[in-house]
Amino acid sequence: MKELVEILAKALVDSPEEVVVTEREDAKGVIIELKVAPSDMGKVIGKQGRIAKSIRSVVKAAAFKENKKVIVDIVQ
């Protein structure tokens, strides 16, 4: 899942070298944190959060195939 988020984020931003994706386990499931450059934050979130919602939907669909619960968190 981490690799999927990283590929999607790097395709969206102007500074792909600043994309950092971390993955950790929690009682709720797997939490994936996505950090991008401040100038690229708008590109990852999108208007009214549409792109962020799309990223979460794609990851959720991939996680469902593996019977996992994944939460994508975009942090500054």
PDB file of N, CA and C in Angstrom:
ATOM      1  N   MET A   1       0.816  -1.189   0.000  1.00  0.00           N
ATOM      2  CA  MET A   1       0.000   0.000   0.000  1.00  0.00           C
ATOM      3  C   MET A   1       0.867   1.263   0.000  1.00  0.00           C
ATOM      4  N   LYS A   2       1.954   1.211   0.734  1.00  0.00           N
ATOM      5  CA  LYS A   2       2.855   2.361   0.817  1.00  0.00           C
ATOM      6  C   LYS A   2       3.362   2.746  -0.567  1.00  0.00           C
ATOM      7  N   GLU A   3       3.729   1.759  -1.358  1.00  0.00           N
ATOM      8  CA  GLU A   3       4.265   2.020  -2.688  1.00  0.00           C
ATOM      9  C   GLU A   3       3.197   2.640  -3.591  1.00  0.00           C
ATOM     10  N   LEU A   4       1.974   2.187  -3.462  1.00  0.00           N
ATOM     11  CA  LEU A   4       0.872   2.716  -4.257  1.00  0.00           C
ATOM     12  C   LEU A   4       0.657   4.199  -3.976  1.00  0.00           C
ATOM     13  N   VAL A   5       0.640   4.576  -2.714  1.00  0.00           N
ATOM     14  CA  VAL A   5       0.458   5.974  -2.336  1.00  0.00           C
ATOM     15  C   VAL A   5       1.630   6.811  -2.847  1.00  0.00           C
ATOM     16  N   GLU A   6       2.830   6.262  -2.739  1.00  0.00           N
ATOM     17  CA  GLU A   6       4.016   6.982  -3.188  1.00  0.00           C
ATOM     18  C   GLU A   6       3.984   7.231  -4.701  1.00  0.00           C
ATOM     19  N   ILE A   7       3.592   6.242  -5.468  1.00  0.00           N
ATOM     20  CA  ILE A   7       3.507   6.385  -6.929  1.00  0.00           C
ATOM     21  C   ILE A   7       2.453   7.430  -7.297  1.00  0.00           C
ATOM     22  N   LEU A   8       1.293   7.363  -6.662  1.00  0.00           N
ATOM     23  CA  LEU A   8       0.228   8.322  -6.953  1.00  0.00           C
ATOM     24  C   LEU A   8       0.653   9.753  -6.603  1.00  0.00           C
ATOM     25  N   ALA A   9       1.267   9.920  -5.446  1.00  0.00           N
ATOM     26  CA  ALA A   9       1.662  11.255  -5.005  1.00  0.00           C
ATOM     27  C   ALA A   9       2.758  11.833  -5.895  1.00  0.00           C
ATOM     28  N   LYS A  10       3.738  11.022  -6.243  1.00  0.00           N
ATOM     29  CA  LYS A  10       4.833  11.520  -7.078  1.00  0.00           C
ATOM     30  C   LYS A  10       4.357  11.918  -8.468  1.00  0.00           C
ATOM     31  N   ALA A  11       3.306  11.289  -8.956  1.00  0.00           N
ATOM     32  CA  ALA A  11       2.751  11.644 -10.261  1.00  0.00           C
ATOM     33  C   ALA A  11       2.012  12.983 -10.213  1.00  0.00           C
ATOM     34  N   LEU A  12       1.561  13.394  -9.041  1.00  0.00           N
ATOM     35  CA  LEU A  12       0.768  14.614  -8.917  1.00  0.00           C
ATOM     36  C   LEU A  12       1.577  15.879  -8.646  1.00  0.00           C
ATOM     37  N   VAL A  13       2.709  15.751  -7.978  1.00  0.00           N
ATOM     38  CA  VAL A  13       3.426  16.921  -7.462  1.00  0.00           C
ATOM     39  C   VAL A  13       4.513  17.416  -8.421  1.00  0.00           C
ATOM     40  N   ASP A  14       4.971  18.652  -8.158  1.00  0.00           N
ATOM     41  CA  ASP A  14       6.075  19.227  -8.928  1.00  0.00           C
ATOM     42  C   ASP A  14       7.432  18.823  -8.362  1.00  0.00           C
ATOM     43  N   SER A  15       7.480  18.494  -7.072  1.00  0.00           N
ATOM     44  CA  SER A  15       8.733  18.102  -6.402  1.00  0.00           C
ATOM     45  C   SER A  15       8.621  16.666  -5.895  1.00  0.00           C
ATOM     46  N   PRO A  16       8.752  15.678  -6.787  1.00  0.00           N
ATOM     47  CA  PRO A  16       8.584  14.292  -6.340  1.00  0.00           C
ATOM     48  C   PRO A  16       9.658  13.821  -5.360  1.00  0.00           C
ATOM     49  N   GLU A  17      10.806  14.495  -5.342  1.00  0.00           N
ATOM     50  CA  GLU A  17      11.864  14.093  -4.410  1.00  0.00           C
ATOM     51  C   GLU A  17      11.516  14.434  -2.967  1.00  0.00           C
ATOM     52  N   GLU A  18      10.535  15.302  -2.754  1.00  0.00           N
ATOM     53  CA  GLU A  18      10.138  15.674  -1.392  1.00  0.00           C
ATOM     54  C   GLU A  18       8.956  14.861  -0.869  1.00  0.00           C
ATOM     55  N   VAL A  19       8.490  13.896  -1.628  1.00  0.00           N
ATOM     56  CA  VAL A  19       7.386  13.037  -1.185  1.00  0.00           C
ATOM     57  C   VAL A  19       7.932  12.005  -0.205  1.00  0.00           C
ATOM     58  N   VAL A  20       7.331  11.959   0.979  1.00  0.00           N
ATOM     59  CA  VAL A  20       7.726  10.995   2.004  1.00  0.00           C
ATOM     60  C   VAL A  20       6.479  10.236   2.444  1.00  0.00           C
ATOM     61  N   VAL A  21       6.537   8.914   2.357  1.00  0.00           N
ATOM     62  CA  VAL A  21       5.411   8.080   2.754  1.00  0.00           C
ATOM     63  C   VAL A  21       5.885   7.141   3.858  1.00  0.00           C
ATOM     64  N   THR A  22       5.182   7.169   4.980  1.00  0.00           N
ATOM     65  CA  THR A  22       5.502   6.256   6.082  1.00  0.00           C
ATOM     66  C   THR A  22       4.283   5.390   6.372  1.00  0.00           C
ATOM     67  N   GLU A  23       4.555   4.190   6.842  1.00  0.00           N
ATOM     68  CA  GLU A  23       3.490   3.224   7.113  1.00  0.00           C
ATOM     69  C   GLU A  23       3.676   2.679   8.520  1.00  0.00           C
ATOM     70  N   ARG A  24       2.579   2.627   9.273  1.00  0.00           N
ATOM     71  CA  ARG A  24       2.657   2.059  10.622  1.00  0.00           C
ATOM     72  C   ARG A  24       1.373   1.306  10.937  1.00  0.00           C
ATOM     73  N   GLU A  25       1.523   0.327  11.790  1.00  0.00           N
ATOM     74  CA  GLU A  25       0.374  -0.492  12.218  1.00  0.00           C
ATOM     75  C   GLU A  25      -0.253   0.134  13.453  1.00  0.00           C
ATOM     76  N   ASP A  26      -1.554   0.022  13.544  1.00  0.00           N
ATOM     77  CA  ASP A  26      -2.306   0.548  14.670  1.00  0.00           C
ATOM     78  C   ASP A  26      -3.397  -0.459  15.010  1.00  0.00           C
ATOM     79  N   ALA A  27      -4.078  -0.248  16.111  1.00  0.00           N
ATOM     80  CA  ALA A  27      -5.181  -1.132  16.470  1.00  0.00           C
ATOM     81  C   ALA A  27      -6.304  -1.044  15.437  1.00  0.00           C
ATOM     82  N   LYS A  28      -6.423   0.092  14.773  1.00  0.00           N
ATOM     83  CA  LYS A  28      -7.464   0.296  13.773  1.00  0.00           C
ATOM     84  C   LYS A  28      -7.090  -0.304  12.423  1.00  0.00           C
ATOM     85  N   GLY A  29      -5.812  -0.519  12.195  1.00  0.00           N
ATOM     86  CA  GLY A  29      -5.351  -1.052  10.916  1.00  0.00           C
ATOM     87  C   GLY A  29      -4.018  -0.434  10.542  1.00  0.00           C
ATOM     88  N   VAL A  30      -3.785  -0.300   9.260  1.00  0.00           N
ATOM     89  CA  VAL A  30      -2.546   0.283   8.756  1.00  0.00           C
ATOM     90  C   VAL A  30      -2.785   1.763   8.484  1.00  0.00           C
ATOM     91  N   ILE A  31      -1.889   2.606   8.995  1.00  0.00           N
ATOM     92  CA  ILE A  31      -1.989   4.043   8.769  1.00  0.00           C
ATOM     93  C   ILE A  31      -0.829   4.452   7.875  1.00  0.00           C
ATOM     94  N   ILE A  32      -1.151   5.083   6.755  1.00  0.00           N
ATOM     95  CA  ILE A  32      -0.146   5.555   5.816  1.00  0.00           C
ATOM     96  C   ILE A  32      -0.155   7.074   5.867  1.00  0.00           C
ATOM     97  N   GLU A  33       1.012   7.651   6.201  1.00  0.00           N
ATOM     98  CA  GLU A  33       1.134   9.103   6.271  1.00  0.00           C
ATOM     99  C   GLU A  33       1.866   9.602   5.033  1.00  0.00           C
ATOM    100  N   LEU A  34       1.314  10.608   4.398  1.00  0.00           N
ATOM    101  CA  LEU A  34       1.876  11.192   3.190  1.00  0.00           C
ATOM    102  C   LEU A  34       2.300  12.619   3.487  1.00  0.00           C
ATOM    103  N   LYS A  35       3.581  12.914   3.239  1.00  0.00           N
ATOM    104  CA  LYS A  35       4.102  14.274   3.402  1.00  0.00           C
ATOM    105  C   LYS A  35       4.625  14.737   2.053  1.00  0.00           C
ATOM    106  N   VAL A  36       4.247  15.961   1.677  1.00  0.00           N
ATOM    107  CA  VAL A  36       4.729  16.565   0.436  1.00  0.00           C
ATOM    108  C   VAL A  36       5.223  17.973   0.746  1.00  0.00           C
ATOM    109  N   ALA A  37       5.871  18.592  -0.224  1.00  0.00           N
ATOM    110  CA  ALA A  37       6.329  19.967  -0.063  1.00  0.00           C
ATOM    111  C   ALA A  37       5.126  20.883   0.144  1.00  0.00           C
ATOM    112  N   PRO A  38       5.284  21.939   0.940  1.00  0.00           N
ATOM    113  CA  PRO A  38       4.150  22.851   1.176  1.00  0.00           C
ATOM    114  C   PRO A  38       3.563  23.426  -0.112  1.00  0.00           C
ATOM    115  N   SER A  39       4.394  23.651  -1.109  1.00  0.00           N
ATOM    116  CA  SER A  39       3.895  24.204  -2.374  1.00  0.00           C
ATOM    117  C   SER A  39       3.059  23.184  -3.159  1.00  0.00           C
ATOM    118  N   ASP A  40       3.228  21.890  -2.860  1.00  0.00           N
ATOM    119  CA  ASP A  40       2.495  20.832  -3.556  1.00  0.00           C
ATOM    120  C   ASP A  40       1.261  20.355  -2.793  1.00  0.00           C
ATOM    121  N   MET A  41       1.028  20.895  -1.619  1.00  0.00           N
ATOM    122  CA  MET A  41      -0.089  20.430  -0.791  1.00  0.00           C
ATOM    123  C   MET A  41      -1.425  20.579  -1.514  1.00  0.00           C
ATOM    124  N   GLY A  42      -1.623  21.668  -2.210  1.00  0.00           N
ATOM    125  CA  GLY A  42      -2.872  21.897  -2.929  1.00  0.00           C
ATOM    126  C   GLY A  42      -3.086  20.903  -4.053  1.00  0.00           C
ATOM    127  N   LYS A  43      -2.006  20.471  -4.683  1.00  0.00           N
ATOM    128  CA  LYS A  43      -2.118  19.502  -5.773  1.00  0.00           C
ATOM    129  C   LYS A  43      -2.531  18.128  -5.255  1.00  0.00           C
ATOM    130  N   VAL A  44      -2.101  17.796  -4.054  1.00  0.00           N
ATOM    131  CA  VAL A  44      -2.430  16.484  -3.473  1.00  0.00           C
ATOM    132  C   VAL A  44      -3.846  16.483  -2.897  1.00  0.00           C
ATOM    133  N   ILE A  45      -4.257  17.606  -2.343  1.00  0.00           N
ATOM    134  CA  ILE A  45      -5.595  17.681  -1.745  1.00  0.00           C
ATOM    135  C   ILE A  45      -6.653  17.944  -2.816  1.00  0.00           C
ATOM    136  N   GLY A  46      -6.390  18.872  -3.716  1.00  0.00           N
ATOM    137  CA  GLY A  46      -7.335  19.179  -4.786  1.00  0.00           C
ATOM    138  C   GLY A  46      -8.464  20.074  -4.318  1.00  0.00           C
ATOM    139  N   LYS A  47      -9.264  20.510  -5.268  1.00  0.00           N
ATOM    140  CA  LYS A  47     -10.409  21.369  -4.940  1.00  0.00           C
ATOM    141  C   LYS A  47     -11.420  20.570  -4.135  1.00  0.00           C
ATOM    142  N   GLN A  48     -11.779  21.128  -2.989  1.00  0.00           N
ATOM    143  CA  GLN A  48     -12.732  20.509  -2.061  1.00  0.00           C
ATOM    144  C   GLN A  48     -12.322  19.095  -1.663  1.00  0.00           C
ATOM    145  N   GLY A  49     -11.012  18.802  -1.710  1.00  0.00           N
ATOM    146  CA  GLY A  49     -10.508  17.510  -1.264  1.00  0.00           C
ATOM    147  C   GLY A  49     -10.755  16.360  -2.211  1.00  0.00           C
ATOM    148  N   ARG A  50     -11.066  16.657  -3.460  1.00  0.00           N
ATOM    149  CA  ARG A  50     -11.420  15.593  -4.411  1.00  0.00           C
ATOM    150  C   ARG A  50     -10.259  14.645  -4.709  1.00  0.00           C
ATOM    151  N   ILE A  51      -9.069  15.188  -4.876  1.00  0.00           N
ATOM    152  CA  ILE A  51      -7.926  14.326  -5.209  1.00  0.00           C
ATOM    153  C   ILE A  51      -7.555  13.464  -4.000  1.00  0.00           C
ATOM    154  N   ALA A  52      -7.561  14.063  -2.808  1.00  0.00           N
ATOM    155  CA  ALA A  52      -7.274  13.297  -1.597  1.00  0.00           C
ATOM    156  C   ALA A  52      -8.292  12.167  -1.430  1.00  0.00           C
ATOM    157  N   LYS A  53      -9.548  12.468  -1.695  1.00  0.00           N
ATOM    158  CA  LYS A  53     -10.598  11.445  -1.591  1.00  0.00           C
ATOM    159  C   LYS A  53     -10.378  10.335  -2.608  1.00  0.00           C
ATOM    160  N   SER A  54      -9.938  10.703  -3.805  1.00  0.00           N
ATOM    161  CA  SER A  54      -9.663   9.702  -4.840  1.00  0.00           C
ATOM    162  C   SER A  54      -8.501   8.801  -4.456  1.00  0.00           C
ATOM    163  N   ILE A  55      -7.444   9.402  -3.906  1.00  0.00           N
ATOM    164  CA  ILE A  55      -6.294   8.605  -3.449  1.00  0.00           C
ATOM    165  C   ILE A  55      -6.751   7.617  -2.386  1.00  0.00           C
ATOM    166  N   ARG A  56      -7.547   8.082  -1.442  1.00  0.00           N
ATOM    167  CA  ARG A  56      -8.043   7.204  -0.373  1.00  0.00           C
ATOM    168  C   ARG A  56      -8.918   6.084  -0.930  1.00  0.00           C
ATOM    169  N   SER A  57      -9.725   6.391  -1.941  1.00  0.00           N
ATOM    170  CA  SER A  57     -10.596   5.377  -2.545  1.00  0.00           C
ATOM    171  C   SER A  57      -9.785   4.288  -3.244  1.00  0.00           C
ATOM    172  N   VAL A  58      -8.768   4.693  -3.987  1.00  0.00           N
ATOM    173  CA  VAL A  58      -7.919   3.716  -4.687  1.00  0.00           C
ATOM    174  C   VAL A  58      -7.200   2.815  -3.691  1.00  0.00           C
ATOM    175  N   VAL A  59      -6.658   3.408  -2.639  1.00  0.00           N
ATOM    176  CA  VAL A  59      -5.942   2.623  -1.629  1.00  0.00           C
ATOM    177  C   VAL A  59      -6.904   1.710  -0.879  1.00  0.00           C
ATOM    178  N   LYS A  60      -8.089   2.203  -0.585  1.00  0.00           N
ATOM    179  CA  LYS A  60      -9.083   1.382   0.116  1.00  0.00           C
ATOM    180  C   LYS A  60      -9.493   0.178  -0.729  1.00  0.00           C
ATOM    181  N   ALA A  61      -9.635   0.388  -2.036  1.00  0.00           N
ATOM    182  CA  ALA A  61      -9.993  -0.716  -2.932  1.00  0.00           C
ATOM    183  C   ALA A  61      -8.877  -1.755  -2.983  1.00  0.00           C
ATOM    184  N   ALA A  62      -7.627  -1.300  -3.046  1.00  0.00           N
ATOM    185  CA  ALA A  62      -6.494  -2.226  -3.060  1.00  0.00           C
ATOM    186  C   ALA A  62      -6.385  -2.970  -1.726  1.00  0.00           C
ATOM    187  N   ALA A  63      -6.659  -2.280  -0.631  1.00  0.00           N
ATOM    188  CA  ALA A  63      -6.592  -2.908   0.689  1.00  0.00           C
ATOM    189  C   ALA A  63      -7.713  -3.919   0.875  1.00  0.00           C
ATOM    190  N   PHE A  64      -8.868  -3.651   0.298  1.00  0.00           N
ATOM    191  CA  PHE A  64      -9.998  -4.566   0.415  1.00  0.00           C
ATOM    192  C   PHE A  64      -9.673  -5.915  -0.208  1.00  0.00           C
ATOM    193  N   LYS A  65      -8.909  -5.909  -1.292  1.00  0.00           N
ATOM    194  CA  LYS A  65      -8.518  -7.162  -1.945  1.00  0.00           C
ATOM    195  C   LYS A  65      -7.645  -8.014  -1.025  1.00  0.00           C
ATOM    196  N   GLU A  66      -6.910  -7.351  -0.115  1.00  0.00           N
ATOM    197  CA  GLU A  66      -6.033  -8.055   0.819  1.00  0.00           C
ATOM    198  C   GLU A  66      -6.650  -8.182   2.211  1.00  0.00           C
ATOM    199  N   ASN A  67      -7.929  -7.847   2.340  1.00  0.00           N
ATOM    200  CA  ASN A  67      -8.645  -7.906   3.620  1.00  0.00           C
ATOM    201  C   ASN A  67      -7.953  -7.101   4.715  1.00  0.00           C
ATOM    202  N   LYS A  68      -7.533  -5.886   4.377  1.00  0.00           N
ATOM    203  CA  LYS A  68      -6.889  -4.999   5.335  1.00  0.00           C
ATOM    204  C   LYS A  68      -7.682  -3.707   5.433  1.00  0.00           C
ATOM    205  N   LYS A  69      -7.503  -3.012   6.542  1.00  0.00           N
ATOM    206  CA  LYS A  69      -8.085  -1.681   6.702  1.00  0.00           C
ATOM    207  C   LYS A  69      -6.926  -0.689   6.667  1.00  0.00           C
ATOM    208  N   VAL A  70      -6.999   0.246   5.736  1.00  0.00           N
ATOM    209  CA  VAL A  70      -5.925   1.215   5.542  1.00  0.00           C
ATOM    210  C   VAL A  70      -6.490   2.620   5.640  1.00  0.00           C
ATOM    211  N   ILE A  71      -5.782   3.470   6.372  1.00  0.00           N
ATOM    212  CA  ILE A  71      -6.144   4.878   6.510  1.00  0.00           C
ATOM    213  C   ILE A  71      -5.020   5.706   5.906  1.00  0.00           C
ATOM    214  N   VAL A  72      -5.354   6.589   4.979  1.00  0.00           N
ATOM    215  CA  VAL A  72      -4.364   7.485   4.372  1.00  0.00           C
ATOM    216  C   VAL A  72      -4.508   8.846   5.024  1.00  0.00           C
ATOM    217  N   ASP A  73      -3.396   9.330   5.617  1.00  0.00           N
ATOM    218  CA  ASP A  73      -3.390  10.598   6.317  1.00  0.00           C
ATOM    219  C   ASP A  73      -2.393  11.515   5.618  1.00  0.00           C
ATOM    220  N   ILE A  74      -2.854  12.695   5.199  1.00  0.00           N
ATOM    221  CA  ILE A  74      -1.978  13.671   4.554  1.00  0.00           C
ATOM    222  C   ILE A  74      -1.574  14.684   5.613  1.00  0.00           C
ATOM    223  N   VAL A  75      -0.275  14.759   5.897  1.00  0.00           N
ATOM    224  CA  VAL A  75       0.235  15.629   6.961  1.00  0.00           C
ATOM    225  C   VAL A  75       1.132  16.707   6.378  1.00  0.00           C
ATOM    226  N   GLN A  76       1.280  17.796   7.142  1.00  0.00           N
ATOM    227  CA  GLN A  76       2.126  18.902   6.687  1.00  0.00           C
ATOM    228  C   GLN A  76       3.528  18.756   7.191  1.00  0.00           C
TER     229      GLN A  76
END
